[in-house]
Amino acid sequence: MQGILASFKQKSWWVSNSPEELYKYDWIISLVMHCISWSFCIMFPIMVWYRFAIPLWFLFVFVINVVIHCIIDHLKANSQKINLVADQLCHIIQIIFTFTVFLLLR
């Protein structure tokens, strides 16, 4: 679903394809956009559940999901501290935690 963002969120793609100084940090916006998109997708069913009358704490949980996702993906795609299995396991735990929070706060 995310297409080219999967490549753009990697520093190595930018070094190989656009090594100019101008594009040195462009991977960051791609990573953030990927994380915003992912967080929106996992939280969309909750928005439907609330019939789009979203409480303020929803936005807080959304931002937390974006930040956590950015950290996890950066560890995999750029720092190479975790592998794909650990990355996906962290995201599954993140989804379970998000839905648990919403069940407790509803």
PDB file of N, CA and C in Angstrom:
ATOM      1  N   MET A   1       0.817  -1.188   0.000  1.00  0.00           N
ATOM      2  CA  MET A   1       0.000   0.000   0.000  1.00  0.00           C
ATOM      3  C   MET A   1       0.867   1.261   0.000  1.00  0.00           C
ATOM      4  N   GLN A   2       1.994   1.219   0.663  1.00  0.00           N
ATOM      5  CA  GLN A   2       2.801   2.416   0.814  1.00  0.00           C
ATOM      6  C   GLN A   2       3.720   2.679  -0.377  1.00  0.00           C
ATOM      7  N   GLY A   3       3.913   1.695  -1.208  1.00  0.00           N
ATOM      8  CA  GLY A   3       4.682   1.889  -2.427  1.00  0.00           C
ATOM      9  C   GLY A   3       6.092   2.399  -2.213  1.00  0.00           C
ATOM     10  N   ILE A   4       6.396   3.483  -2.874  1.00  0.00           N
ATOM     11  CA  ILE A   4       7.750   4.022  -2.898  1.00  0.00           C
ATOM     12  C   ILE A   4       8.205   4.553  -1.540  1.00  0.00           C
ATOM     13  N   LEU A   5       7.281   4.854  -0.635  1.00  0.00           N
ATOM     14  CA  LEU A   5       7.665   5.322   0.698  1.00  0.00           C
ATOM     15  C   LEU A   5       8.544   4.303   1.427  1.00  0.00           C
ATOM     16  N   ALA A   6       8.352   3.023   1.118  1.00  0.00           N
ATOM     17  CA  ALA A   6       9.180   1.985   1.743  1.00  0.00           C
ATOM     18  C   ALA A   6      10.648   2.186   1.391  1.00  0.00           C
ATOM     19  N   SER A   7      10.924   2.642   0.189  1.00  0.00           N
ATOM     20  CA  SER A   7      12.309   2.937  -0.205  1.00  0.00           C
ATOM     21  C   SER A   7      12.746   4.316   0.273  1.00  0.00           C
ATOM     22  N   PHE A   8      11.858   5.292   0.150  1.00  0.00           N
ATOM     23  CA  PHE A   8      12.213   6.672   0.503  1.00  0.00           C
ATOM     24  C   PHE A   8      12.543   6.850   1.980  1.00  0.00           C
ATOM     25  N   LYS A   9      12.020   5.997   2.865  1.00  0.00           N
ATOM     26  CA  LYS A   9      12.279   6.163   4.294  1.00  0.00           C
ATOM     27  C   LYS A   9      13.665   5.663   4.698  1.00  0.00           C
ATOM     28  N   GLN A  10      14.417   5.160   3.731  1.00  0.00           N
ATOM     29  CA  GLN A  10      15.768   4.656   3.997  1.00  0.00           C
ATOM     30  C   GLN A  10      16.809   5.686   3.572  1.00  0.00           C
ATOM     31  N   LYS A  11      17.719   6.004   4.483  1.00  0.00           N
ATOM     32  CA  LYS A  11      18.810   6.919   4.147  1.00  0.00           C
ATOM     33  C   LYS A  11      19.593   6.403   2.945  1.00  0.00           C
ATOM     34  N   SER A  12      19.800   5.105   2.903  1.00  0.00           N
ATOM     35  CA  SER A  12      20.627   4.508   1.845  1.00  0.00           C
ATOM     36  C   SER A  12      20.053   4.766   0.450  1.00  0.00           C
ATOM     37  N   TRP A  13      18.715   4.814   0.331  1.00  0.00           N
ATOM     38  CA  TRP A  13      18.118   5.106  -0.970  1.00  0.00           C
ATOM     39  C   TRP A  13      18.529   6.503  -1.434  1.00  0.00           C
ATOM     40  N   TRP A  14      18.474   7.468  -0.526  1.00  0.00           N
ATOM     41  CA  TRP A  14      18.809   8.848  -0.869  1.00  0.00           C
ATOM     42  C   TRP A  14      20.292   8.991  -1.189  1.00  0.00           C
ATOM     43  N   VAL A  15      21.137   8.266  -0.460  1.00  0.00           N
ATOM     44  CA  VAL A  15      22.583   8.325  -0.728  1.00  0.00           C
ATOM     45  C   VAL A  15      22.874   7.768  -2.123  1.00  0.00           C
ATOM     46  N   SER A  16      22.203   6.686  -2.488  1.00  0.00           N
ATOM     47  CA  SER A  16      22.433   6.055  -3.795  1.00  0.00           C
ATOM     48  C   SER A  16      21.819   6.828  -4.958  1.00  0.00           C
ATOM     49  N   ASN A  17      20.641   7.383  -4.754  1.00  0.00           N
ATOM     50  CA  ASN A  17      19.887   7.985  -5.858  1.00  0.00           C
ATOM     51  C   ASN A  17      19.936   9.502  -5.918  1.00  0.00           C
ATOM     52  N   SER A  18      20.140  10.150  -4.798  1.00  0.00           N
ATOM     53  CA  SER A  18      20.219  11.617  -4.749  1.00  0.00           C
ATOM     54  C   SER A  18      21.261  12.018  -3.706  1.00  0.00           C
ATOM     55  N   PRO A  19      22.525  11.822  -4.022  1.00  0.00           N
ATOM     56  CA  PRO A  19      23.572  12.038  -3.013  1.00  0.00           C
ATOM     57  C   PRO A  19      23.884  13.513  -2.711  1.00  0.00           C
ATOM     58  N   GLU A  20      23.244  14.431  -3.403  1.00  0.00           N
ATOM     59  CA  GLU A  20      23.512  15.846  -3.174  1.00  0.00           C
ATOM     60  C   GLU A  20      23.154  16.251  -1.739  1.00  0.00           C
ATOM     61  N   GLU A  21      23.855  17.236  -1.247  1.00  0.00           N
ATOM     62  CA  GLU A  21      23.639  17.748   0.119  1.00  0.00           C
ATOM     63  C   GLU A  21      22.196  18.224   0.319  1.00  0.00           C
ATOM     64  N   LEU A  22      21.591  18.742  -0.734  1.00  0.00           N
ATOM     65  CA  LEU A  22      20.220  19.248  -0.684  1.00  0.00           C
ATOM     66  C   LEU A  22      19.225  18.184  -0.197  1.00  0.00           C
ATOM     67  N   TYR A  23      19.493  16.922  -0.520  1.00  0.00           N
ATOM     68  CA  TYR A  23      18.555  15.846  -0.204  1.00  0.00           C
ATOM     69  C   TYR A  23      18.983  15.005   1.000  1.00  0.00           C
ATOM     70  N   LYS A  24      19.948  15.486   1.738  1.00  0.00           N
ATOM     71  CA  LYS A  24      20.551  14.716   2.827  1.00  0.00           C
ATOM     72  C   LYS A  24      19.535  14.224   3.872  1.00  0.00           C
ATOM     73  N   TYR A  25      18.536  15.043   4.175  1.00  0.00           N
ATOM     74  CA  TYR A  25      17.574  14.692   5.228  1.00  0.00           C
ATOM     75  C   TYR A  25      16.167  14.411   4.699  1.00  0.00           C
ATOM     76  N   ASP A  26      16.016  14.246   3.397  1.00  0.00           N
ATOM     77  CA  ASP A  26      14.688  14.003   2.828  1.00  0.00           C
ATOM     78  C   ASP A  26      14.088  12.676   3.282  1.00  0.00           C
ATOM     79  N   TRP A  27      14.913  11.732   3.693  1.00  0.00           N
ATOM     80  CA  TRP A  27      14.399  10.458   4.184  1.00  0.00           C
ATOM     81  C   TRP A  27      13.519  10.651   5.418  1.00  0.00           C
ATOM     82  N   ILE A  28      13.768  11.715   6.187  1.00  0.00           N
ATOM     83  CA  ILE A  28      13.020  11.927   7.435  1.00  0.00           C
ATOM     84  C   ILE A  28      11.547  12.189   7.141  1.00  0.00           C
ATOM     85  N   ILE A  29      11.256  13.068   6.174  1.00  0.00           N
ATOM     86  CA  ILE A  29       9.850  13.363   5.869  1.00  0.00           C
ATOM     87  C   ILE A  29       9.156  12.130   5.303  1.00  0.00           C
ATOM     88  N   SER A  30       9.878  11.330   4.539  1.00  0.00           N
ATOM     89  CA  SER A  30       9.289  10.098   4.006  1.00  0.00           C
ATOM     90  C   SER A  30       8.974   9.115   5.126  1.00  0.00           C
ATOM     91  N   LEU A  31       9.876   9.013   6.079  1.00  0.00           N
ATOM     92  CA  LEU A  31       9.639   8.144   7.234  1.00  0.00           C
ATOM     93  C   LEU A  31       8.431   8.621   8.031  1.00  0.00           C
ATOM     94  N   VAL A  32       8.355   9.912   8.273  1.00  0.00           N
ATOM     95  CA  VAL A  32       7.225  10.466   9.033  1.00  0.00           C
ATOM     96  C   VAL A  32       5.912  10.268   8.268  1.00  0.00           C
ATOM     97  N   MET A  33       5.917  10.507   6.954  1.00  0.00           N
ATOM     98  CA  MET A  33       4.697  10.322   6.161  1.00  0.00           C
ATOM     99  C   MET A  33       4.248   8.857   6.180  1.00  0.00           C
ATOM    100  N   HIS A  34       5.192   7.936   6.094  1.00  0.00           N
ATOM    101  CA  HIS A  34       4.865   6.509   6.187  1.00  0.00           C
ATOM    102  C   HIS A  34       4.211   6.213   7.535  1.00  0.00           C
ATOM    103  N   CYS A  35       4.771   6.748   8.597  1.00  0.00           N
ATOM    104  CA  CYS A  35       4.258   6.476   9.944  1.00  0.00           C
ATOM    105  C   CYS A  35       2.891   7.108  10.181  1.00  0.00           C
ATOM    106  N   ILE A  36       2.673   8.284   9.630  1.00  0.00           N
ATOM    107  CA  ILE A  36       1.352   8.924   9.729  1.00  0.00           C
ATOM    108  C   ILE A  36       0.325   8.079   8.979  1.00  0.00           C
ATOM    109  N   SER A  37       0.659   7.642   7.796  1.00  0.00           N
ATOM    110  CA  SER A  37      -0.246   6.817   6.995  1.00  0.00           C
ATOM    111  C   SER A  37      -0.581   5.508   7.715  1.00  0.00           C
ATOM    112  N   TRP A  38       0.430   4.851   8.250  1.00  0.00           N
ATOM    113  CA  TRP A  38       0.223   3.591   8.961  1.00  0.00           C
ATOM    114  C   TRP A  38      -0.660   3.810  10.188  1.00  0.00           C
ATOM    115  N   SER A  39      -0.370   4.841  10.969  1.00  0.00           N
ATOM    116  CA  SER A  39      -1.154   5.120  12.178  1.00  0.00           C
ATOM    117  C   SER A  39      -2.601   5.430  11.828  1.00  0.00           C
ATOM    118  N   PHE A  40      -2.805   6.185  10.763  1.00  0.00           N
ATOM    119  CA  PHE A  40      -4.167   6.478  10.326  1.00  0.00           C
ATOM    120  C   PHE A  40      -4.903   5.182   9.977  1.00  0.00           C
ATOM    121  N   CYS A  41      -4.231   4.291   9.263  1.00  0.00           N
ATOM    122  CA  CYS A  41      -4.878   3.038   8.849  1.00  0.00           C
ATOM    123  C   CYS A  41      -5.258   2.158  10.032  1.00  0.00           C
ATOM    124  N   ILE A  42      -4.390   2.074  11.035  1.00  0.00           N
ATOM    125  CA  ILE A  42      -4.752   1.211  12.163  1.00  0.00           C
ATOM    126  C   ILE A  42      -5.775   1.868  13.085  1.00  0.00           C
ATOM    127  N   MET A  43      -5.873   3.195  13.033  1.00  0.00           N
ATOM    128  CA  MET A  43      -6.806   3.877  13.913  1.00  0.00           C
ATOM    129  C   MET A  43      -8.119   4.244  13.219  1.00  0.00           C
ATOM    130  N   PHE A  44      -8.204   4.051  11.922  1.00  0.00           N
ATOM    131  CA  PHE A  44      -9.436   4.367  11.196  1.00  0.00           C
ATOM    132  C   PHE A  44     -10.643   3.579  11.718  1.00  0.00           C
ATOM    133  N   PRO A  45     -10.516   2.273  11.998  1.00  0.00           N
ATOM    134  CA  PRO A  45     -11.672   1.555  12.553  1.00  0.00           C
ATOM    135  C   PRO A  45     -12.166   2.148  13.875  1.00  0.00           C
ATOM    136  N   ILE A  46     -11.252   2.690  14.654  1.00  0.00           N
ATOM    137  CA  ILE A  46     -11.640   3.324  15.918  1.00  0.00           C
ATOM    138  C   ILE A  46     -12.398   4.618  15.639  1.00  0.00           C
ATOM    139  N   MET A  47     -11.963   5.367  14.619  1.00  0.00           N
ATOM    140  CA  MET A  47     -12.677   6.591  14.247  1.00  0.00           C
ATOM    141  C   MET A  47     -14.101   6.260  13.792  1.00  0.00           C
ATOM    142  N   VAL A  48     -14.247   5.177  13.065  1.00  0.00           N
ATOM    143  CA  VAL A  48     -15.576   4.748  12.622  1.00  0.00           C
ATOM    144  C   VAL A  48     -16.419   4.362  13.842  1.00  0.00           C
ATOM    145  N   TRP A  49     -15.803   3.644  14.772  1.00  0.00           N
ATOM    146  CA  TRP A  49     -16.493   3.231  16.009  1.00  0.00           C
ATOM    147  C   TRP A  49     -17.039   4.458  16.744  1.00  0.00           C
ATOM    148  N   TYR A  50     -16.270   5.523  16.788  1.00  0.00           N
ATOM    149  CA  TYR A  50     -16.681   6.758  17.452  1.00  0.00           C
ATOM    150  C   TYR A  50     -17.522   7.650  16.543  1.00  0.00           C
ATOM    151  N   ARG A  51     -17.844   7.142  15.358  1.00  0.00           N
ATOM    152  CA  ARG A  51     -18.628   7.884  14.371  1.00  0.00           C
ATOM    153  C   ARG A  51     -18.009   9.250  14.077  1.00  0.00           C
ATOM    154  N   PHE A  52     -16.679   9.260  14.060  1.00  0.00           N
ATOM    155  CA  PHE A  52     -15.872  10.434  13.725  1.00  0.00           C
ATOM    156  C   PHE A  52     -16.018  11.582  14.715  1.00  0.00           C
ATOM    157  N   ALA A  53     -16.677  11.343  15.849  1.00  0.00           N
ATOM    158  CA  ALA A  53     -16.703  12.317  16.949  1.00  0.00           C
ATOM    159  C   ALA A  53     -15.513  11.969  17.844  1.00  0.00           C
ATOM    160  N   ILE A  54     -14.355  12.386  17.422  1.00  0.00           N
ATOM    161  CA  ILE A  54     -13.107  11.922  18.015  1.00  0.00           C
ATOM    162  C   ILE A  54     -12.777  12.716  19.278  1.00  0.00           C
ATOM    163  N   PRO A  55     -12.568  11.998  20.396  1.00  0.00           N
ATOM    164  CA  PRO A  55     -12.165  12.694  21.623  1.00  0.00           C
ATOM    165  C   PRO A  55     -10.723  13.220  21.511  1.00  0.00           C
ATOM    166  N   LEU A  56     -10.383  14.179  22.342  1.00  0.00           N
ATOM    167  CA  LEU A  56      -9.063  14.791  22.302  1.00  0.00           C
ATOM    168  C   LEU A  56      -7.945  13.785  22.554  1.00  0.00           C
ATOM    169  N   TRP A  57      -8.170  12.833  23.448  1.00  0.00           N
ATOM    170  CA  TRP A  57      -7.114  11.860  23.739  1.00  0.00           C
ATOM    171  C   TRP A  57      -6.813  10.976  22.531  1.00  0.00           C
ATOM    172  N   PHE A  58      -7.749  10.894  21.596  1.00  0.00           N
ATOM    173  CA  PHE A  58      -7.506  10.141  20.360  1.00  0.00           C
ATOM    174  C   PHE A  58      -6.298  10.719  19.613  1.00  0.00           C
ATOM    175  N   LEU A  59      -6.239  12.042  19.538  1.00  0.00           N
ATOM    176  CA  LEU A  59      -5.127  12.701  18.847  1.00  0.00           C
ATOM    177  C   LEU A  59      -3.806  12.430  19.559  1.00  0.00           C
ATOM    178  N   PHE A  60      -3.841  12.406  20.877  1.00  0.00           N
ATOM    179  CA  PHE A  60      -2.642  12.091  21.649  1.00  0.00           C
ATOM    180  C   PHE A  60      -2.156  10.675  21.328  1.00  0.00           C
ATOM    181  N   VAL A  61      -3.067   9.716  21.307  1.00  0.00           N
ATOM    182  CA  VAL A  61      -2.704   8.329  20.990  1.00  0.00           C
ATOM    183  C   VAL A  61      -2.207   8.230  19.548  1.00  0.00           C
ATOM    184  N   PHE A  62      -2.807   8.986  18.656  1.00  0.00           N
ATOM    185  CA  PHE A  62      -2.361   9.003  17.266  1.00  0.00           C
ATOM    186  C   PHE A  62      -0.909   9.473  17.164  1.00  0.00           C
ATOM    187  N   VAL A  63      -0.595  10.572  17.809  1.00  0.00           N
ATOM    188  CA  VAL A  63       0.768  11.112  17.774  1.00  0.00           C
ATOM    189  C   VAL A  63       1.754  10.124  18.401  1.00  0.00           C
ATOM    190  N   ILE A  64       1.374   9.505  19.497  1.00  0.00           N
ATOM    191  CA  ILE A  64       2.237   8.505  20.140  1.00  0.00           C
ATOM    192  C   ILE A  64       2.496   7.348  19.182  1.00  0.00           C
ATOM    193  N   ASN A  65       1.465   6.903  18.476  1.00  0.00           N
ATOM    194  CA  ASN A  65       1.644   5.828  17.491  1.00  0.00           C
ATOM    195  C   ASN A  65       2.605   6.234  16.380  1.00  0.00           C
ATOM    196  N   VAL A  66       2.494   7.457  15.908  1.00  0.00           N
ATOM    197  CA  VAL A  66       3.397   7.938  14.853  1.00  0.00           C
ATOM    198  C   VAL A  66       4.837   7.938  15.353  1.00  0.00           C
ATOM    199  N   VAL A  67       5.061   8.451  16.554  1.00  0.00           N
ATOM    200  CA  VAL A  67       6.417   8.531  17.105  1.00  0.00           C
ATOM    201  C   VAL A  67       7.004   7.132  17.315  1.00  0.00           C
ATOM    202  N   ILE A  68       6.229   6.236  17.918  1.00  0.00           N
ATOM    203  CA  ILE A  68       6.715   4.870  18.147  1.00  0.00           C
ATOM    204  C   ILE A  68       7.027   4.183  16.823  1.00  0.00           C
ATOM    205  N   HIS A  69       6.145   4.348  15.848  1.00  0.00           N
ATOM    206  CA  HIS A  69       6.368   3.723  14.548  1.00  0.00           C
ATOM    207  C   HIS A  69       7.634   4.276  13.889  1.00  0.00           C
ATOM    208  N   CYS A  70       7.851   5.575  14.002  1.00  0.00           N
ATOM    209  CA  CYS A  70       9.067   6.185  13.449  1.00  0.00           C
ATOM    210  C   CYS A  70      10.319   5.592  14.089  1.00  0.00           C
ATOM    211  N   ILE A  71      10.301   5.448  15.381  1.00  0.00           N
ATOM    212  CA  ILE A  71      11.463   4.893  16.082  1.00  0.00           C
ATOM    213  C   ILE A  71      11.734   3.466  15.629  1.00  0.00           C
ATOM    214  N   ILE A  72      10.686   2.640  15.596  1.00  0.00           N
ATOM    215  CA  ILE A  72      10.842   1.238  15.194  1.00  0.00           C
ATOM    216  C   ILE A  72      11.354   1.143  13.755  1.00  0.00           C
ATOM    217  N   ASP A  73      10.743   1.889  12.855  1.00  0.00           N
ATOM    218  CA  ASP A  73      11.166   1.818  11.446  1.00  0.00           C
ATOM    219  C   ASP A  73      12.571   2.375  11.238  1.00  0.00           C
ATOM    220  N   HIS A  74      12.924   3.398  11.981  1.00  0.00           N
ATOM    221  CA  HIS A  74      14.289   3.924  11.883  1.00  0.00           C
ATOM    222  C   HIS A  74      15.300   2.876  12.365  1.00  0.00           C
ATOM    223  N   LEU A  75      14.959   2.171  13.432  1.00  0.00           N
ATOM    224  CA  LEU A  75      15.856   1.125  13.931  1.00  0.00           C
ATOM    225  C   LEU A  75      16.069   0.020  12.902  1.00  0.00           C
ATOM    226  N   LYS A  76      15.032  -0.260  12.113  1.00  0.00           N
ATOM    227  CA  LYS A  76      15.153  -1.302  11.096  1.00  0.00           C
ATOM    228  C   LYS A  76      15.767  -0.769   9.800  1.00  0.00           C
ATOM    229  N   ALA A  77      15.215   0.299   9.264  1.00  0.00           N
ATOM    230  CA  ALA A  77      15.591   0.748   7.925  1.00  0.00           C
ATOM    231  C   ALA A  77      16.913   1.507   7.876  1.00  0.00           C
ATOM    232  N   ASN A  78      17.257   2.207   8.931  1.00  0.00           N
ATOM    233  CA  ASN A  78      18.435   3.074   8.878  1.00  0.00           C
ATOM    234  C   ASN A  78      19.543   2.662   9.847  1.00  0.00           C
ATOM    235  N   SER A  79      19.200   2.438  11.100  1.00  0.00           N
ATOM    236  CA  SER A  79      20.216   2.039  12.069  1.00  0.00           C
ATOM    237  C   SER A  79      20.575   0.563  11.942  1.00  0.00           C
ATOM    238  N   GLN A  80      19.672  -0.202  11.376  1.00  0.00           N
ATOM    239  CA  GLN A  80      19.830  -1.651  11.213  1.00  0.00           C
ATOM    240  C   GLN A  80      20.148  -2.337  12.537  1.00  0.00           C
ATOM    241  N   LYS A  81      19.417  -1.925  13.572  1.00  0.00           N
ATOM    242  CA  LYS A  81      19.558  -2.505  14.910  1.00  0.00           C
ATOM    243  C   LYS A  81      18.603  -3.677  15.119  1.00  0.00           C
ATOM    244  N   ILE A  82      17.504  -3.702  14.343  1.00  0.00           N
ATOM    245  CA  ILE A  82      16.549  -4.804  14.446  1.00  0.00           C
ATOM    246  C   ILE A  82      16.274  -5.339  13.039  1.00  0.00           C
ATOM    247  N   ASN A  83      15.798  -6.574  12.982  1.00  0.00           N
ATOM    248  CA  ASN A  83      15.478  -7.170  11.680  1.00  0.00           C
ATOM    249  C   ASN A  83      13.983  -7.035  11.393  1.00  0.00           C
ATOM    250  N   LEU A  84      13.556  -7.559  10.259  1.00  0.00           N
ATOM    251  CA  LEU A  84      12.157  -7.444   9.846  1.00  0.00           C
ATOM    252  C   LEU A  84      11.214  -8.152  10.810  1.00  0.00           C
ATOM    253  N   VAL A  85      11.625  -9.284  11.334  1.00  0.00           N
ATOM    254  CA  VAL A  85      10.773 -10.030  12.272  1.00  0.00           C
ATOM    255  C   VAL A  85      10.525  -9.199  13.533  1.00  0.00           C
ATOM    256  N   ALA A  86      11.585  -8.633  14.089  1.00  0.00           N
ATOM    257  CA  ALA A  86      11.434  -7.800  15.281  1.00  0.00           C
ATOM    258  C   ALA A  86      10.595  -6.563  14.977  1.00  0.00           C
ATOM    259  N   ASP A  87      10.813  -5.967  13.810  1.00  0.00           N
ATOM    260  CA  ASP A  87      10.052  -4.801  13.377  1.00  0.00           C
ATOM    261  C   ASP A  87       8.554  -5.114  13.339  1.00  0.00           C
ATOM    262  N   GLN A  88       8.200  -6.201  12.680  1.00  0.00           N
ATOM    263  CA  GLN A  88       6.786  -6.557  12.551  1.00  0.00           C
ATOM    264  C   GLN A  88       6.175  -6.971  13.883  1.00  0.00           C
ATOM    265  N   LEU A  89       6.934  -7.640  14.708  1.00  0.00           N
ATOM    266  CA  LEU A  89       6.458  -8.018  16.042  1.00  0.00           C
ATOM    267  C   LEU A  89       6.177  -6.766  16.875  1.00  0.00           C
ATOM    268  N   CYS A  90       7.060  -5.795  16.805  1.00  0.00           N
ATOM    269  CA  CYS A  90       6.832  -4.528  17.517  1.00  0.00           C
ATOM    270  C   CYS A  90       5.565  -3.838  17.028  1.00  0.00           C
ATOM    271  N   HIS A  91       5.317  -3.861  15.723  1.00  0.00           N
ATOM    272  CA  HIS A  91       4.120  -3.216  15.176  1.00  0.00           C
ATOM    273  C   HIS A  91       2.849  -3.967  15.584  1.00  0.00           C
ATOM    274  N   ILE A  92       2.916  -5.281  15.643  1.00  0.00           N
ATOM    275  CA  ILE A  92       1.753  -6.056  16.107  1.00  0.00           C
ATOM    276  C   ILE A  92       1.453  -5.721  17.563  1.00  0.00           C
ATOM    277  N   ILE A  93       2.488  -5.659  18.378  1.00  0.00           N
ATOM    278  CA  ILE A  93       2.306  -5.279  19.787  1.00  0.00           C
ATOM    279  C   ILE A  93       1.746  -3.864  19.875  1.00  0.00           C
ATOM    280  N   GLN A  94       2.222  -2.982  19.011  1.00  0.00           N
ATOM    281  CA  GLN A  94       1.728  -1.606  18.984  1.00  0.00           C
ATOM    282  C   GLN A  94       0.231  -1.565  18.652  1.00  0.00           C
ATOM    283  N   ILE A  95      -0.205  -2.359  17.701  1.00  0.00           N
ATOM    284  CA  ILE A  95      -1.618  -2.414  17.340  1.00  0.00           C
ATOM    285  C   ILE A  95      -2.451  -2.947  18.497  1.00  0.00           C
ATOM    286  N   ILE A  96      -2.004  -4.031  19.105  1.00  0.00           N
ATOM    287  CA  ILE A  96      -2.727  -4.610  20.250  1.00  0.00           C
ATOM    288  C   ILE A  96      -2.815  -3.601  21.390  1.00  0.00           C
ATOM    289  N   PHE A  97      -1.716  -2.926  21.672  1.00  0.00           N
ATOM    290  CA  PHE A  97      -1.702  -1.929  22.741  1.00  0.00           C
ATOM    291  C   PHE A  97      -2.658  -0.780  22.427  1.00  0.00           C
ATOM    292  N   THR A  98      -2.667  -0.313  21.185  1.00  0.00           N
ATOM    293  CA  THR A  98      -3.551   0.788  20.789  1.00  0.00           C
ATOM    294  C   THR A  98      -5.017   0.419  20.990  1.00  0.00           C
ATOM    295  N   PHE A  99      -5.404  -0.756  20.531  1.00  0.00           N
ATOM    296  CA  PHE A  99      -6.799  -1.159  20.683  1.00  0.00           C
ATOM    297  C   PHE A  99      -7.158  -1.421  22.140  1.00  0.00           C
ATOM    298  N   THR A 100      -6.209  -1.897  22.924  1.00  0.00           N
ATOM    299  CA  THR A 100      -6.447  -2.091  24.361  1.00  0.00           C
ATOM    300  C   THR A 100      -6.683  -0.749  25.040  1.00  0.00           C
ATOM    301  N   VAL A 101      -5.889   0.248  24.703  1.00  0.00           N
ATOM    302  CA  VAL A 101      -6.066   1.590  25.257  1.00  0.00           C
ATOM    303  C   VAL A 101      -7.462   2.112  24.923  1.00  0.00           C
ATOM    304  N   PHE A 102      -7.892   1.936  23.697  1.00  0.00           N
ATOM    305  CA  PHE A 102      -9.205   2.434  23.307  1.00  0.00           C
ATOM    306  C   PHE A 102     -10.335   1.677  23.982  1.00  0.00           C
ATOM    307  N   LEU A 103     -10.149   0.385  24.197  1.00  0.00           N
ATOM    308  CA  LEU A 103     -11.178  -0.376  24.916  1.00  0.00           C
ATOM    309  C   LEU A 103     -11.293   0.095  26.363  1.00  0.00           C
ATOM    310  N   LEU A 104     -10.159   0.422  26.964  1.00  0.00           N
ATOM    311  CA  LEU A 104     -10.167   0.882  28.353  1.00  0.00           C
ATOM    312  C   LEU A 104     -10.706   2.306  28.493  1.00  0.00           C
ATOM    313  N   LEU A 105     -10.493   3.153  27.480  1.00  0.00           N
ATOM    314  CA  LEU A 105     -10.895   4.559  27.572  1.00  0.00           C
ATOM    315  C   LEU A 105     -12.290   4.840  27.018  1.00  0.00           C
ATOM    316  N   ARG A 106     -12.907   3.885  26.404  1.00  0.00           N
ATOM    317  CA  ARG A 106     -14.216   4.180  25.818  1.00  0.00           C
ATOM    318  C   ARG A 106     -15.308   4.265  26.840  1.00  0.00           C
TER     319      ARG A 106
END
